[in-house]
């Protein structure tokens, strides 16, 4: 008889669940899926990477027995692999957005769709596109849709690629290395094992990373919409 695997919502937002479920490969897939498949906005990206930093040696060992033989090299290798998946995920999101752009810009307004918001997004990305791609990586939900919107509003491709690499590398580095070394620091200085208090840590990370998004939604400044269509034929 086959034993059915019961997955609850609590499992889906628990980073350790993914580590235990499939280890390194599930981690890499999730980082890609957050932006590349546009269905991963609910996944615990920040906290998952933080926990992955704690278990970095175990994750690399699952790919190559014994790892690299160096704790730091294990962490660096994990950083490179995860960063690459993040870059590819963003690139896939940009590609999808760019393919959808002409249709959306030429679509008539409806109850759920207002073209003026595309113009506002276009104005924003023209002015702050690079910074937006970098900082979006540190913001849940926002990072899922930022590369897609960049593609829709036809953000310069070379500019997107550069800031995509910078943003992904910085985000993965910050989360992985923070998890790895804070775990060791707290254990050495205070005898406090972060692995036994991951739920509190996850909640803290979620609050810190979502606070700017909530603030922007309720208190952000509204910009006037410019009349510019990046797909308009000359």
Protein backbone atom coordinates (compact mmCIF):
# COMPACT_ATOMS: atom_id res chain seq x y z
CA UNK A 1 0.00 0.00 0.00
CA UNK A 2 1.15 3.49 -0.80
CA UNK A 3 1.19 6.00 2.03
CA UNK A 4 -0.28 9.35 0.99
CA UNK A 5 1.73 12.45 1.79
CA UNK A 6 -0.46 14.97 3.58
CA UNK A 7 0.69 18.55 3.05
CA UNK A 8 -0.85 21.40 5.01
CA UNK A 9 -0.59 25.17 4.56
CA UNK A 10 1.63 25.24 7.64
CA UNK A 11 4.04 22.95 5.78
CA UNK A 12 4.06 25.24 2.74
CA UNK A 13 5.23 28.24 4.77
CA UNK A 14 7.72 26.22 6.82
CA UNK A 15 11.27 26.38 5.35
CA UNK A 16 12.36 23.17 7.06
CA UNK A 17 9.60 21.29 5.23
CA UNK A 18 11.26 21.98 1.87
CA UNK A 19 14.71 21.15 3.19
CA UNK A 20 13.43 17.80 4.44
CA UNK A 21 11.26 17.16 1.37
CA UNK A 22 13.87 17.41 -1.33
CA UNK A 23 16.87 19.25 0.00
CA UNK A 24 19.03 21.14 -2.46
CA UNK A 25 16.99 20.45 -5.59
CA UNK A 26 13.72 21.63 -4.08
CA UNK A 27 15.49 24.73 -2.79
CA UNK A 28 16.82 25.55 -6.27
CA UNK A 29 13.43 24.93 -7.88
CA UNK A 30 11.63 27.19 -5.40
CA UNK A 31 14.07 30.07 -5.94
CA UNK A 32 13.48 29.76 -9.70
CA UNK A 33 9.72 29.32 -9.34
CA UNK A 34 9.24 32.45 -7.22
CA UNK A 35 9.73 34.59 -10.32
CA UNK A 36 10.09 32.19 -13.22
CA UNK A 37 6.74 30.44 -12.84
CA UNK A 38 4.80 33.33 -11.25
CA UNK A 39 3.08 30.94 -8.84
CA UNK A 40 5.64 31.05 -6.07
CA UNK A 41 4.70 34.34 -4.43
CA UNK A 42 3.45 32.48 -1.34
CA UNK A 43 6.67 30.51 -0.90
CA UNK A 44 8.99 31.39 2.03
CA UNK A 45 11.91 32.64 -0.06
CA UNK A 46 13.76 34.75 2.51
CA UNK A 47 13.32 32.40 5.44
CA UNK A 48 14.04 29.39 3.23
CA UNK A 49 17.43 30.82 2.25
CA UNK A 50 18.16 31.76 5.86
CA UNK A 51 17.48 28.17 6.93
CA UNK A 52 19.44 26.88 3.91
CA UNK A 53 22.43 28.84 5.22
CA UNK A 54 22.16 27.00 8.51
CA UNK A 55 22.01 23.63 6.72
CA UNK A 56 24.45 24.54 3.92
CA UNK A 57 26.86 21.68 4.62
CA UNK A 58 24.03 19.15 4.69
CA UNK A 59 22.59 20.48 1.42
CA UNK A 60 25.89 20.31 -0.44
CA UNK A 61 26.57 16.87 1.05
CA UNK A 62 23.30 15.66 -0.53
CA UNK A 63 24.74 16.57 -3.94
CA UNK A 64 28.32 15.41 -3.39
CA UNK A 65 29.14 13.12 -0.48
CA UNK A 66 31.45 14.86 1.95
CA UNK A 67 30.84 18.21 0.32
CA UNK A 68 33.84 20.26 -0.81
CA UNK A 69 35.76 19.57 2.37
CA UNK A 70 35.49 23.21 3.39
CA UNK A 71 32.65 24.85 5.28
CA UNK A 72 33.19 28.15 3.45
CA UNK A 73 33.44 26.52 0.01
CA UNK A 74 30.21 24.61 0.68
CA UNK A 75 28.50 27.92 1.43
CA UNK A 76 30.01 29.67 -1.61
CA UNK A 77 29.01 26.80 -3.90
CA UNK A 78 25.47 26.93 -2.56
CA UNK A 79 25.45 30.71 -3.07
CA UNK A 80 26.49 30.36 -6.71
CA UNK A 81 23.91 27.68 -7.49
CA UNK A 82 21.01 29.47 -5.82
CA UNK A 83 21.99 32.81 -7.38
CA UNK A 84 22.02 31.24 -10.83
CA UNK A 85 18.51 29.87 -10.32
CA UNK A 86 17.32 33.28 -9.11
CA UNK A 87 18.81 34.98 -12.17
CA UNK A 88 17.18 32.46 -14.52
CA UNK A 89 13.85 32.81 -12.73
CA UNK A 90 13.87 36.60 -13.11
CA UNK A 91 14.89 36.26 -16.76
CA UNK A 92 11.96 33.92 -17.40
CA UNK A 93 9.60 36.39 -15.71
CA UNK A 94 10.98 39.25 -17.83
CA UNK A 95 10.57 37.20 -21.01
CA UNK A 96 6.95 36.38 -20.20
CA UNK A 97 6.20 40.02 -19.39
CA UNK A 98 7.83 41.23 -22.61
CA UNK A 99 5.75 38.80 -24.64
CA UNK A 100 2.57 39.96 -22.86
CA UNK A 101 3.33 43.68 -23.11
CA UNK A 102 1.97 44.46 -26.59
CA UNK A 103 -1.33 42.73 -25.81
CA UNK A 104 -1.79 44.57 -22.50
CA UNK A 105 -0.91 48.00 -23.92
CA UNK A 106 -3.41 47.58 -26.73
CA UNK A 107 -6.15 46.13 -24.55
CA UNK A 108 -9.16 48.25 -23.63
CA UNK A 109 -9.84 49.18 -20.02
CA UNK A 110 -12.17 46.95 -18.03
CA UNK A 111 -13.37 46.59 -14.46
CA UNK A 112 -10.22 44.73 -13.43
CA UNK A 113 -7.76 46.24 -15.89
CA UNK A 114 -6.75 49.90 -16.17
CA UNK A 115 -4.14 50.87 -18.75
CA UNK A 116 -3.13 53.94 -16.72
CA UNK A 117 -1.38 51.67 -14.23
CA UNK A 118 0.87 50.37 -17.02
CA UNK A 119 1.86 53.93 -17.84
CA UNK A 120 2.64 54.60 -14.19
CA UNK A 121 4.74 51.45 -14.05
CA UNK A 122 6.53 52.50 -17.25
CA UNK A 123 7.37 55.90 -15.77
CA UNK A 124 8.61 54.30 -12.56
CA UNK A 125 10.83 51.74 -14.31
CA UNK A 126 12.27 54.39 -16.62
CA UNK A 127 13.40 56.35 -13.56
CA UNK A 128 14.09 53.65 -10.97
CA UNK A 129 14.12 50.36 -12.90
CA UNK A 130 17.59 49.23 -11.83
CA UNK A 131 17.03 49.93 -8.14
CA UNK A 132 13.57 48.36 -8.35
CA UNK A 133 14.93 45.07 -9.68
CA UNK A 134 17.61 44.95 -6.96
CA UNK A 135 15.44 45.89 -3.99
CA UNK A 136 12.48 43.82 -5.18
CA UNK A 137 14.57 40.74 -4.49
CA UNK A 138 14.39 41.51 -0.78
CA UNK A 139 10.60 41.98 -0.76
CA UNK A 140 8.21 39.00 -0.75
CA UNK A 141 5.50 39.03 -3.43
CA UNK A 142 7.09 42.11 -5.02
CA UNK A 143 10.04 40.03 -6.25
CA UNK A 144 7.61 37.66 -7.99
CA UNK A 145 6.06 40.36 -10.15
CA UNK A 146 8.87 42.95 -10.51
CA UNK A 147 10.66 41.19 -13.42
CA UNK A 148 7.35 40.48 -15.14
CA UNK A 149 6.36 44.14 -14.97
CA UNK A 150 9.85 45.11 -16.16
CA UNK A 151 9.23 43.00 -19.25
CA UNK A 152 5.72 44.36 -19.79
CA UNK A 153 6.91 48.00 -19.74
CA UNK A 154 9.87 47.10 -21.97
CA UNK A 155 12.66 47.96 -19.55
CA UNK A 156 16.01 48.05 -21.34
CA UNK A 157 17.17 44.42 -21.54
CA UNK A 158 20.86 45.04 -20.87
CA UNK A 159 20.01 47.19 -17.85
CA UNK A 160 17.66 44.49 -16.59
CA UNK A 161 20.31 41.77 -16.95
CA UNK A 162 22.93 43.76 -15.02
CA UNK A 163 20.65 44.63 -12.11
CA UNK A 164 19.11 41.17 -12.14
CA UNK A 165 22.56 39.64 -11.51
CA UNK A 166 23.42 42.22 -8.83
CA UNK A 167 20.07 41.85 -7.06
CA UNK A 168 20.04 38.05 -7.05
CA UNK A 169 23.66 37.75 -5.92
CA UNK A 170 23.18 40.27 -3.09
CA UNK A 171 19.89 38.75 -1.89
CA UNK A 172 21.14 35.16 -1.82
CA UNK A 173 24.44 36.19 -0.21
CA UNK A 174 22.72 38.17 2.54
CA UNK A 175 20.25 35.43 3.44
CA UNK A 176 22.57 32.42 3.20
CA UNK A 177 25.54 33.94 5.01
CA UNK A 178 23.31 35.52 7.67
CA UNK A 179 21.70 32.18 8.42
CA UNK A 180 24.99 30.28 8.47
CA UNK A 181 27.05 32.63 10.60
CA UNK A 182 24.31 33.94 12.91
CA UNK A 183 23.52 30.35 13.86
CA UNK A 184 27.15 29.79 14.82
CA UNK A 185 27.47 33.17 16.53
CA UNK A 186 24.38 32.71 18.71
CA UNK A 187 25.41 29.18 19.64
CA UNK A 188 28.97 30.21 20.55
CA UNK A 189 28.13 33.46 22.39
CA UNK A 190 24.78 32.65 23.99
CA UNK A 191 24.34 28.89 23.70
CA UNK A 192 21.20 29.68 21.68
CA UNK A 193 20.38 27.19 18.91
CA UNK A 194 18.55 29.00 16.10
CA UNK A 195 17.42 25.67 14.65
CA UNK A 196 15.20 25.17 17.71
CA UNK A 197 13.51 28.55 17.28
CA UNK A 198 13.00 28.72 13.53
CA UNK A 199 9.31 29.59 13.74
CA UNK A 200 10.07 32.81 15.61
CA UNK A 201 12.90 33.63 13.19
CA UNK A 202 10.67 33.03 10.15
CA UNK A 203 7.96 35.32 11.56
CA UNK A 204 10.59 37.99 12.24
CA UNK A 205 11.96 37.79 8.69
CA UNK A 206 8.46 37.97 7.20
CA UNK A 207 7.57 41.04 9.28
CA UNK A 208 10.82 42.84 8.44
CA UNK A 209 10.65 42.15 4.71
CA UNK A 210 6.93 42.84 4.24
CA UNK A 211 6.77 46.04 6.31
CA UNK A 212 8.12 48.25 3.46
CA UNK A 213 5.57 46.76 1.05
CA UNK A 214 2.67 47.45 3.40
CA UNK A 215 3.91 50.99 4.06
CA UNK A 216 4.22 51.68 0.33
CA UNK A 217 0.73 50.37 -0.38
CA UNK A 218 -0.96 52.57 2.20
CA UNK A 219 1.28 55.63 2.34
CA UNK A 220 3.07 55.65 -1.01
CA UNK A 221 2.94 58.75 -3.17
CA UNK A 222 0.73 58.56 -6.23
CA UNK A 223 2.36 59.60 -9.50
CA UNK A 224 0.51 61.01 -12.49
CA UNK A 225 0.26 58.71 -15.48
CA UNK A 226 2.28 59.68 -18.54
CA UNK A 227 0.85 59.03 -22.00
CA UNK A 228 3.54 56.75 -23.44
CA UNK A 229 3.24 53.35 -25.07
CA UNK A 230 6.62 51.56 -25.41
CA UNK A 231 5.13 49.26 -28.08
CA UNK A 232 3.63 52.02 -30.21
CA UNK A 233 4.78 51.80 -33.79
CA UNK A 234 6.41 54.93 -35.13
